[in-house]
Amino acid sequence: QVQFVESGGGLVQPGGSLRLSCAASGSIFSIYA
């Protein structure tokens, strides 16, 4: 079982950029699409 914590969102103007991150728990994360 894998659990997720997302971050990086916010308010941005049209044309702007953001970078989202997702930290996943679980030792077998690498095998998942």
Full PDB file with SEQRES, HELIX, SHEET, SSBOND, CRYST1, ORIGX, SCALE, CONECT and MASTER records, all heavy atoms in Angstrom:
SEQRES   1 A   33  GLN VAL GLN PHE VAL GLU SER GLY GLY GLY LEU VAL GLN          
SEQRES   2 A   33  PRO GLY GLY SER LEU ARG LEU SER CYS ALA ALA SER GLY          
SEQRES   3 A   33  SER ILE PHE SER ILE TYR ALA                                  
HELIX    1 AA1 PHE A   29  ILE A   31  5                                   3    
SHEET    1 AA1 2 PHE A   4  SER A   7  0                                        
SHEET    2 AA1 2 SER A  21  ALA A  24 -1                                        
CRYST1    1.000    1.000    1.000  90.00  90.00  90.00 P 1           1          
ORIGX1      1.000000  0.000000  0.000000        0.00000                         
ORIGX2      0.000000  1.000000  0.000000        0.00000                         
ORIGX3      0.000000  0.000000  1.000000        0.00000                         
SCALE1      1.000000  0.000000  0.000000        0.00000                         
SCALE2      0.000000  1.000000  0.000000        0.00000                         
SCALE3      0.000000  0.000000  1.000000        0.00000                         
ATOM      1  N   GLN A   1       0.845  -1.192   0.000  1.00  0.00           N  
ATOM      2  CA  GLN A   1       0.000   0.000   0.000  1.00  0.00           C  
ATOM      3  C   GLN A   1       0.883   1.247   0.000  1.00  0.00           C  
ATOM      4  O   GLN A   1       1.873   1.309   0.720  1.00  0.00           O  
ATOM      5  CB  GLN A   1      -0.910  -0.001   1.230  1.00  0.00           C  
ATOM      6  CG  GLN A   1      -1.897   1.153   1.260  1.00  0.00           C  
ATOM      7  CD  GLN A   1      -2.819   1.060   2.469  1.00  0.00           C  
ATOM      8  OE1 GLN A   1      -2.657   0.174   3.326  1.00  0.00           O  
ATOM      9  NE2 GLN A   1      -3.777   1.936   2.556  1.00  0.00           N  
ATOM     10  N   VAL A   2       0.529   2.214  -0.834  1.00  0.00           N  
ATOM     11  CA  VAL A   2       1.299   3.450  -0.938  1.00  0.00           C  
ATOM     12  C   VAL A   2       0.395   4.615  -0.568  1.00  0.00           C  
ATOM     13  O   VAL A   2      -0.758   4.658  -0.991  1.00  0.00           O  
ATOM     14  CB  VAL A   2       1.851   3.639  -2.363  1.00  0.00           C  
ATOM     15  CG1 VAL A   2       2.725   4.881  -2.444  1.00  0.00           C  
ATOM     16  CG2 VAL A   2       2.644   2.407  -2.803  1.00  0.00           C  
ATOM     17  N   GLN A   3       0.906   5.549   0.204  1.00  0.00           N  
ATOM     18  CA  GLN A   3       0.162   6.762   0.560  1.00  0.00           C  
ATOM     19  C   GLN A   3       0.898   7.978   0.034  1.00  0.00           C  
ATOM     20  O   GLN A   3       2.108   7.950  -0.164  1.00  0.00           O  
ATOM     21  CB  GLN A   3      -0.038   6.831   2.071  1.00  0.00           C  
ATOM     22  CG  GLN A   3      -0.918   5.690   2.589  1.00  0.00           C  
ATOM     23  CD  GLN A   3      -1.172   5.781   4.069  1.00  0.00           C  
ATOM     24  OE1 GLN A   3      -0.300   6.152   4.840  1.00  0.00           O  
ATOM     25  NE2 GLN A   3      -2.389   5.429   4.483  1.00  0.00           N  
ATOM     26  N   PHE A   4       0.148   9.068  -0.161  1.00  0.00           N  
ATOM     27  CA  PHE A   4       0.661  10.216  -0.910  1.00  0.00           C  
ATOM     28  C   PHE A   4       0.442  11.537  -0.175  1.00  0.00           C  
ATOM     29  O   PHE A   4      -0.613  11.749   0.422  1.00  0.00           O  
ATOM     30  CB  PHE A   4      -0.042  10.292  -2.269  1.00  0.00           C  
ATOM     31  CG  PHE A   4      -0.119   8.977  -2.961  1.00  0.00           C  
ATOM     32  CD1 PHE A   4      -1.290   8.242  -2.950  1.00  0.00           C  
ATOM     33  CD2 PHE A   4       0.995   8.438  -3.585  1.00  0.00           C  
ATOM     34  CE1 PHE A   4      -1.361   6.997  -3.553  1.00  0.00           C  
ATOM     35  CE2 PHE A   4       0.930   7.197  -4.191  1.00  0.00           C  
ATOM     36  CZ  PHE A   4      -0.246   6.470  -4.180  1.00  0.00           C  
ATOM     37  N   VAL A   5       1.446  12.441  -0.275  1.00  0.00           N  
ATOM     38  CA  VAL A   5       1.327  13.791   0.252  1.00  0.00           C  
ATOM     39  C   VAL A   5       1.733  14.756  -0.849  1.00  0.00           C  
ATOM     40  O   VAL A   5       2.901  14.810  -1.248  1.00  0.00           O  
ATOM     41  CB  VAL A   5       2.200  13.996   1.500  1.00  0.00           C  
ATOM     42  CG1 VAL A   5       2.070  15.438   1.988  1.00  0.00           C  
ATOM     43  CG2 VAL A   5       1.802  13.024   2.602  1.00  0.00           C  
ATOM     44  N   GLU A   6       0.753  15.510  -1.343  1.00  0.00           N  
ATOM     45  CA  GLU A   6       0.993  16.449  -2.433  1.00  0.00           C  
ATOM     46  C   GLU A   6       1.306  17.839  -1.893  1.00  0.00           C  
ATOM     47  O   GLU A   6       0.777  18.235  -0.849  1.00  0.00           O  
ATOM     48  CB  GLU A   6      -0.245  16.533  -3.344  1.00  0.00           C  
ATOM     49  CG  GLU A   6      -0.663  15.222  -3.971  1.00  0.00           C  
ATOM     50  CD  GLU A   6      -1.684  14.444  -3.144  1.00  0.00           C  
ATOM     51  OE1 GLU A   6      -1.890  14.763  -1.953  1.00  0.00           O  
ATOM     52  OE2 GLU A   6      -2.280  13.500  -3.697  1.00  0.00           O  
ATOM     53  N   SER A   7       2.129  18.585  -2.623  1.00  0.00           N  
ATOM     54  CA  SER A   7       2.459  19.956  -2.235  1.00  0.00           C  
ATOM     55  C   SER A   7       2.853  20.751  -3.475  1.00  0.00           C  
ATOM     56  O   SER A   7       3.047  20.173  -4.557  1.00  0.00           O  
ATOM     57  CB  SER A   7       3.605  19.967  -1.216  1.00  0.00           C  
ATOM     58  OG  SER A   7       4.772  19.404  -1.785  1.00  0.00           O  
ATOM     59  N   GLY A   8       2.959  22.065  -3.303  1.00  0.00           N  
ATOM     60  CA  GLY A   8       3.449  22.915  -4.375  1.00  0.00           C  
ATOM     61  C   GLY A   8       2.397  23.755  -5.084  1.00  0.00           C  
ATOM     62  O   GLY A   8       2.732  24.562  -5.950  1.00  0.00           O  
ATOM     63  N   GLY A   9       1.138  23.559  -4.720  1.00  0.00           N  
ATOM     64  CA  GLY A   9       0.090  24.352  -5.348  1.00  0.00           C  
ATOM     65  C   GLY A   9       0.101  25.788  -4.875  1.00  0.00           C  
ATOM     66  O   GLY A   9       0.895  26.183  -4.017  1.00  0.00           O  
ATOM     67  N   GLY A  10      -0.782  26.598  -5.462  1.00  0.00           N  
ATOM     68  CA  GLY A  10      -0.885  27.989  -5.064  1.00  0.00           C  
ATOM     69  C   GLY A  10      -1.680  28.790  -6.066  1.00  0.00           C  
ATOM     70  O   GLY A  10      -2.315  28.231  -6.969  1.00  0.00           O  
ATOM     71  N   LEU A  11      -1.639  30.099  -5.878  1.00  0.00           N  
ATOM     72  CA  LEU A  11      -2.311  31.033  -6.774  1.00  0.00           C  
ATOM     73  C   LEU A  11      -1.284  31.591  -7.752  1.00  0.00           C  
ATOM     74  O   LEU A  11      -0.233  32.088  -7.322  1.00  0.00           O  
ATOM     75  CB  LEU A  11      -2.955  32.161  -5.973  1.00  0.00           C  
ATOM     76  CG  LEU A  11      -3.552  33.327  -6.764  1.00  0.00           C  
ATOM     77  CD1 LEU A  11      -4.707  32.837  -7.629  1.00  0.00           C  
ATOM     78  CD2 LEU A  11      -3.998  34.421  -5.819  1.00  0.00           C  
ATOM     79  N   VAL A  12      -1.584  31.512  -9.022  1.00  0.00           N  
ATOM     80  CA  VAL A  12      -0.657  31.984 -10.045  1.00  0.00           C  
ATOM     81  C   VAL A  12      -1.445  32.667 -11.144  1.00  0.00           C  
ATOM     82  O   VAL A  12      -2.598  32.319 -11.403  1.00  0.00           O  
ATOM     83  CB  VAL A  12       0.186  30.801 -10.581  1.00  0.00           C  
ATOM     84  CG1 VAL A  12      -0.684  29.777 -11.270  1.00  0.00           C  
ATOM     85  CG2 VAL A  12       1.305  31.280 -11.476  1.00  0.00           C  
ATOM     86  N   GLN A  13      -0.825  33.638 -11.782  1.00  0.00           N  
ATOM     87  CA  GLN A  13      -1.475  34.340 -12.893  1.00  0.00           C  
ATOM     88  C   GLN A  13      -1.412  33.488 -14.167  1.00  0.00           C  
ATOM     89  O   GLN A  13      -0.511  32.640 -14.313  1.00  0.00           O  
ATOM     90  CB  GLN A  13      -0.789  35.680 -13.145  1.00  0.00           C  
ATOM     91  CG  GLN A  13      -0.979  36.682 -12.023  1.00  0.00           C  
ATOM     92  CD  GLN A  13      -0.430  38.050 -12.369  1.00  0.00           C  
ATOM     93  OE1 GLN A  13       0.385  38.185 -13.283  1.00  0.00           O  
ATOM     94  NE2 GLN A  13      -0.870  39.059 -11.651  1.00  0.00           N  
ATOM     95  N   PRO A  14      -2.342  33.699 -15.071  1.00  0.00           N  
ATOM     96  CA  PRO A  14      -2.263  33.006 -16.371  1.00  0.00           C  
ATOM     97  C   PRO A  14      -0.899  33.195 -17.016  1.00  0.00           C  
ATOM     98  O   PRO A  14      -0.337  34.299 -16.991  1.00  0.00           O  
ATOM     99  CB  PRO A  14      -3.371  33.666 -17.180  1.00  0.00           C  
ATOM    100  CG  PRO A  14      -4.371  34.105 -16.165  1.00  0.00           C  
ATOM    101  CD  PRO A  14      -3.554  34.532 -14.979  1.00  0.00           C  
ATOM    102  N   GLY A  15      -0.367  32.113 -17.567  1.00  0.00           N  
ATOM    103  CA  GLY A  15       0.967  32.155 -18.143  1.00  0.00           C  
ATOM    104  C   GLY A  15       2.070  31.806 -17.171  1.00  0.00           C  
ATOM    105  O   GLY A  15       3.225  31.627 -17.584  1.00  0.00           O  
ATOM    106  N   GLY A  16       1.736  31.697 -15.900  1.00  0.00           N  
ATOM    107  CA  GLY A  16       2.732  31.395 -14.883  1.00  0.00           C  
ATOM    108  C   GLY A  16       3.061  29.912 -14.786  1.00  0.00           C  
ATOM    109  O   GLY A  16       2.538  29.090 -15.546  1.00  0.00           O  
ATOM    110  N   SER A  17       3.909  29.591 -13.814  1.00  0.00           N  
ATOM    111  CA  SER A  17       4.385  28.223 -13.636  1.00  0.00           C  
ATOM    112  C   SER A  17       4.303  27.796 -12.177  1.00  0.00           C  
ATOM    113  O   SER A  17       4.378  28.631 -11.271  1.00  0.00           O  
ATOM    114  CB  SER A  17       5.852  28.106 -14.096  1.00  0.00           C  
ATOM    115  OG  SER A  17       5.996  28.407 -15.466  1.00  0.00           O  
ATOM    116  N   LEU A  18       4.142  26.514 -11.980  1.00  0.00           N  
ATOM    117  CA  LEU A  18       4.209  25.897 -10.667  1.00  0.00           C  
ATOM    118  C   LEU A  18       4.862  24.532 -10.808  1.00  0.00           C  
ATOM    119  O   LEU A  18       4.779  23.904 -11.867  1.00  0.00           O  
ATOM    120  CB  LEU A  18       2.818  25.710 -10.063  1.00  0.00           C  
ATOM    121  CG  LEU A  18       2.089  26.940  -9.519  1.00  0.00           C  
ATOM    122  CD1 LEU A  18       0.649  26.573  -9.136  1.00  0.00           C  
ATOM    123  CD2 LEU A  18       2.814  27.536  -8.324  1.00  0.00           C  
ATOM    124  N   ARG A  19       5.468  24.075  -9.714  1.00  0.00           N  
ATOM    125  CA  ARG A  19       6.010  22.720  -9.682  1.00  0.00           C  
ATOM    126  C   ARG A  19       5.382  21.963  -8.522  1.00  0.00           C  
ATOM    127  O   ARG A  19       5.557  22.361  -7.360  1.00  0.00           O  
ATOM    128  CB  ARG A  19       7.527  22.724  -9.539  1.00  0.00           C  
ATOM    129  CG  ARG A  19       8.158  21.340  -9.708  1.00  0.00           C  
ATOM    130  CD  ARG A  19       9.609  21.350  -9.295  1.00  0.00           C  
ATOM    131  NE  ARG A  19      10.310  20.135  -9.725  1.00  0.00           N  
ATOM    132  CZ  ARG A  19      11.338  19.608  -9.071  1.00  0.00           C  
ATOM    133  NH1 ARG A  19      11.778  20.180  -7.964  1.00  0.00           N  
ATOM    134  NH2 ARG A  19      11.927  18.517  -9.529  1.00  0.00           N  
ATOM    135  N   LEU A  20       4.665  20.920  -8.834  1.00  0.00           N  
ATOM    136  CA  LEU A  20       4.030  20.103  -7.813  1.00  0.00           C  
ATOM    137  C   LEU A  20       4.942  18.945  -7.431  1.00  0.00           C  
ATOM    138  O   LEU A  20       5.677  18.421  -8.270  1.00  0.00           O  
ATOM    139  CB  LEU A  20       2.701  19.551  -8.319  1.00  0.00           C  
ATOM    140  CG  LEU A  20       1.677  20.564  -8.838  1.00  0.00           C  
ATOM    141  CD1 LEU A  20       0.372  19.851  -9.190  1.00  0.00           C  
ATOM    142  CD2 LEU A  20       1.437  21.661  -7.831  1.00  0.00           C  
ATOM    143  N   SER A  21       4.862  18.549  -6.164  1.00  0.00           N  
ATOM    144  CA  SER A  21       5.598  17.401  -5.663  1.00  0.00           C  
ATOM    145  C   SER A  21       4.640  16.447  -4.978  1.00  0.00           C  
ATOM    146  O   SER A  21       3.645  16.880  -4.376  1.00  0.00           O  
ATOM    147  CB  SER A  21       6.682  17.826  -4.676  1.00  0.00           C  
ATOM    148  OG  SER A  21       7.630  18.664  -5.286  1.00  0.00           O  
ATOM    149  N   CYS A  22       4.959  15.183  -5.038  1.00  0.00           N  
ATOM    150  CA  CYS A  22       4.163  14.164  -4.355  1.00  0.00           C  
ATOM    151  C   CYS A  22       5.121  13.201  -3.681  1.00  0.00           C  
ATOM    152  O   CYS A  22       5.862  12.484  -4.370  1.00  0.00           O  
ATOM    153  CB  CYS A  22       3.273  13.435  -5.342  1.00  0.00           C  
ATOM    154  SG  CYS A  22       2.467  11.970  -4.669  1.00  0.00           S  
ATOM    155  N   ALA A  23       5.098  13.196  -2.367  1.00  0.00           N  
ATOM    156  CA  ALA A  23       5.903  12.259  -1.598  1.00  0.00           C  
ATOM    157  C   ALA A  23       5.072  11.023  -1.310  1.00  0.00           C  
ATOM    158  O   ALA A  23       3.954  11.116  -0.793  1.00  0.00           O  
ATOM    159  CB  ALA A  23       6.365  12.910  -0.302  1.00  0.00           C  
ATOM    160  N   ALA A  24       5.614   9.885  -1.666  1.00  0.00           N  
ATOM    161  CA  ALA A  24       4.896   8.624  -1.488  1.00  0.00           C  
ATOM    162  C   ALA A  24       5.580   7.760  -0.450  1.00  0.00           C  
ATOM    163  O   ALA A  24       6.817   7.690  -0.410  1.00  0.00           O  
ATOM    164  CB  ALA A  24       4.813   7.881  -2.818  1.00  0.00           C  
ATOM    165  N   SER A  25       4.786   7.118   0.380  1.00  0.00           N  
ATOM    166  CA  SER A  25       5.337   6.178   1.346  1.00  0.00           C  
ATOM    167  C   SER A  25       5.437   4.806   0.697  1.00  0.00           C  
ATOM    168  O   SER A  25       4.883   4.573  -0.379  1.00  0.00           O  
ATOM    169  CB  SER A  25       4.439   6.118   2.577  1.00  0.00           C  
ATOM    170  OG  SER A  25       3.182   5.551   2.224  1.00  0.00           O  
ATOM    171  N   GLY A  26       6.133   3.900   1.366  1.00  0.00           N  
ATOM    172  CA  GLY A  26       6.187   2.542   0.821  1.00  0.00           C  
ATOM    173  C   GLY A  26       7.523   2.242   0.184  1.00  0.00           C  
ATOM    174  O   GLY A  26       8.035   3.032  -0.597  1.00  0.00           O  
ATOM    175  N   SER A  27       8.060   1.078   0.504  1.00  0.00           N  
ATOM    176  CA  SER A  27       9.396   0.729   0.042  1.00  0.00           C  
ATOM    177  C   SER A  27       9.413   0.228  -1.393  1.00  0.00           C  
ATOM    178  O   SER A  27      10.481   0.069  -1.967  1.00  0.00           O  
ATOM    179  CB  SER A  27       9.992  -0.350   0.962  1.00  0.00           C  
ATOM    180  OG  SER A  27       9.158  -1.496   0.956  1.00  0.00           O  
ATOM    181  N   ILE A  28       8.231  -0.013  -1.974  1.00  0.00           N  
ATOM    182  CA  ILE A  28       8.211  -0.546  -3.331  1.00  0.00           C  
ATOM    183  C   ILE A  28       7.635   0.469  -4.305  1.00  0.00           C  
ATOM    184  O   ILE A  28       7.089   0.130  -5.338  1.00  0.00           O  
ATOM    185  CB  ILE A  28       7.427  -1.871  -3.415  1.00  0.00           C  
ATOM    186  CG1 ILE A  28       5.996  -1.693  -2.880  1.00  0.00           C  
ATOM    187  CG2 ILE A  28       8.156  -2.959  -2.667  1.00  0.00           C  
ATOM    188  CD1 ILE A  28       5.121  -2.916  -3.097  1.00  0.00           C  
ATOM    189  N   PHE A  29       7.779   1.744  -3.977  1.00  0.00           N  
ATOM    190  CA  PHE A  29       7.276   2.832  -4.813  1.00  0.00           C  
ATOM    191  C   PHE A  29       7.757   2.691  -6.243  1.00  0.00           C  
ATOM    192  O   PHE A  29       7.019   2.935  -7.194  1.00  0.00           O  
ATOM    193  CB  PHE A  29       7.732   4.170  -4.229  1.00  0.00           C  
ATOM    194  CG  PHE A  29       7.592   5.337  -5.165  1.00  0.00           C  
ATOM    195  CD1 PHE A  29       6.368   5.971  -5.297  1.00  0.00           C  
ATOM    196  CD2 PHE A  29       8.676   5.815  -5.889  1.00  0.00           C  
ATOM    197  CE1 PHE A  29       6.222   7.058  -6.156  1.00  0.00           C  
ATOM    198  CE2 PHE A  29       8.549   6.898  -6.737  1.00  0.00           C  
ATOM    199  CZ  PHE A  29       7.316   7.521  -6.870  1.00  0.00           C  
ATOM    200  N   SER A  30       9.006   2.287  -6.416  1.00  0.00           N  
ATOM    201  CA  SER A  30       9.627   2.317  -7.735  1.00  0.00           C  
ATOM    202  C   SER A  30       8.951   1.398  -8.748  1.00  0.00           C  
ATOM    203  O   SER A  30       9.125   1.571  -9.951  1.00  0.00           O  
ATOM    204  CB  SER A  30      11.106   1.965  -7.629  1.00  0.00           C  
ATOM    205  OG  SER A  30      11.262   0.657  -7.129  1.00  0.00           O  
ATOM    206  N   ILE A  31       8.183   0.416  -8.299  1.00  0.00           N  
ATOM    207  CA  ILE A  31       7.583  -0.512  -9.253  1.00  0.00           C  
ATOM    208  C   ILE A  31       6.257  -0.006  -9.803  1.00  0.00           C  
ATOM    209  O   ILE A  31       5.736  -0.555 -10.763  1.00  0.00           O  
ATOM    210  CB  ILE A  31       7.357  -1.902  -8.633  1.00  0.00           C  
ATOM    211  CG1 ILE A  31       6.194  -1.882  -7.625  1.00  0.00           C  
ATOM    212  CG2 ILE A  31       8.637  -2.422  -7.996  1.00  0.00           C  
ATOM    213  CD1 ILE A  31       5.775  -3.273  -7.179  1.00  0.00           C  
ATOM    214  N   TYR A  32       5.722   1.058  -9.204  1.00  0.00           N  
ATOM    215  CA  TYR A  32       4.394   1.531  -9.603  1.00  0.00           C  
ATOM    216  C   TYR A  32       4.458   2.543 -10.741  1.00  0.00           C  
ATOM    217  O   TYR A  32       5.288   3.457 -10.726  1.00  0.00           O  
ATOM    218  CB  TYR A  32       3.680   2.208  -8.428  1.00  0.00           C  
ATOM    219  CG  TYR A  32       3.257   1.281  -7.319  1.00  0.00           C  
ATOM    220  CD1 TYR A  32       3.929   1.279  -6.105  1.00  0.00           C  
ATOM    221  CD2 TYR A  32       2.178   0.422  -7.469  1.00  0.00           C  
ATOM    222  CE1 TYR A  32       3.534   0.444  -5.073  1.00  0.00           C  
ATOM    223  CE2 TYR A  32       1.785  -0.419  -6.451  1.00  0.00           C  
ATOM    224  CZ  TYR A  32       2.468  -0.405  -5.250  1.00  0.00           C  
ATOM    225  OH  TYR A  32       2.072  -1.239  -4.243  1.00  0.00           O  
ATOM    226  N   ALA A  33       3.548   2.399 -11.693  1.00  0.00           N  
ATOM    227  CA  ALA A  33       3.261   3.515 -12.577  1.00  0.00           C  
ATOM    228  C   ALA A  33       2.497   4.548 -11.760  1.00  0.00           C  
ATOM    229  O   ALA A  33       1.649   4.198 -10.941  1.00  0.00           O  
ATOM    230  CB  ALA A  33       2.427   3.068 -13.768  1.00  0.00           C  
TER     231      ALA A  33                                                      
MASTER        0    0    0    1    2    0    0    6  230    1    0    3          
END                                                                             
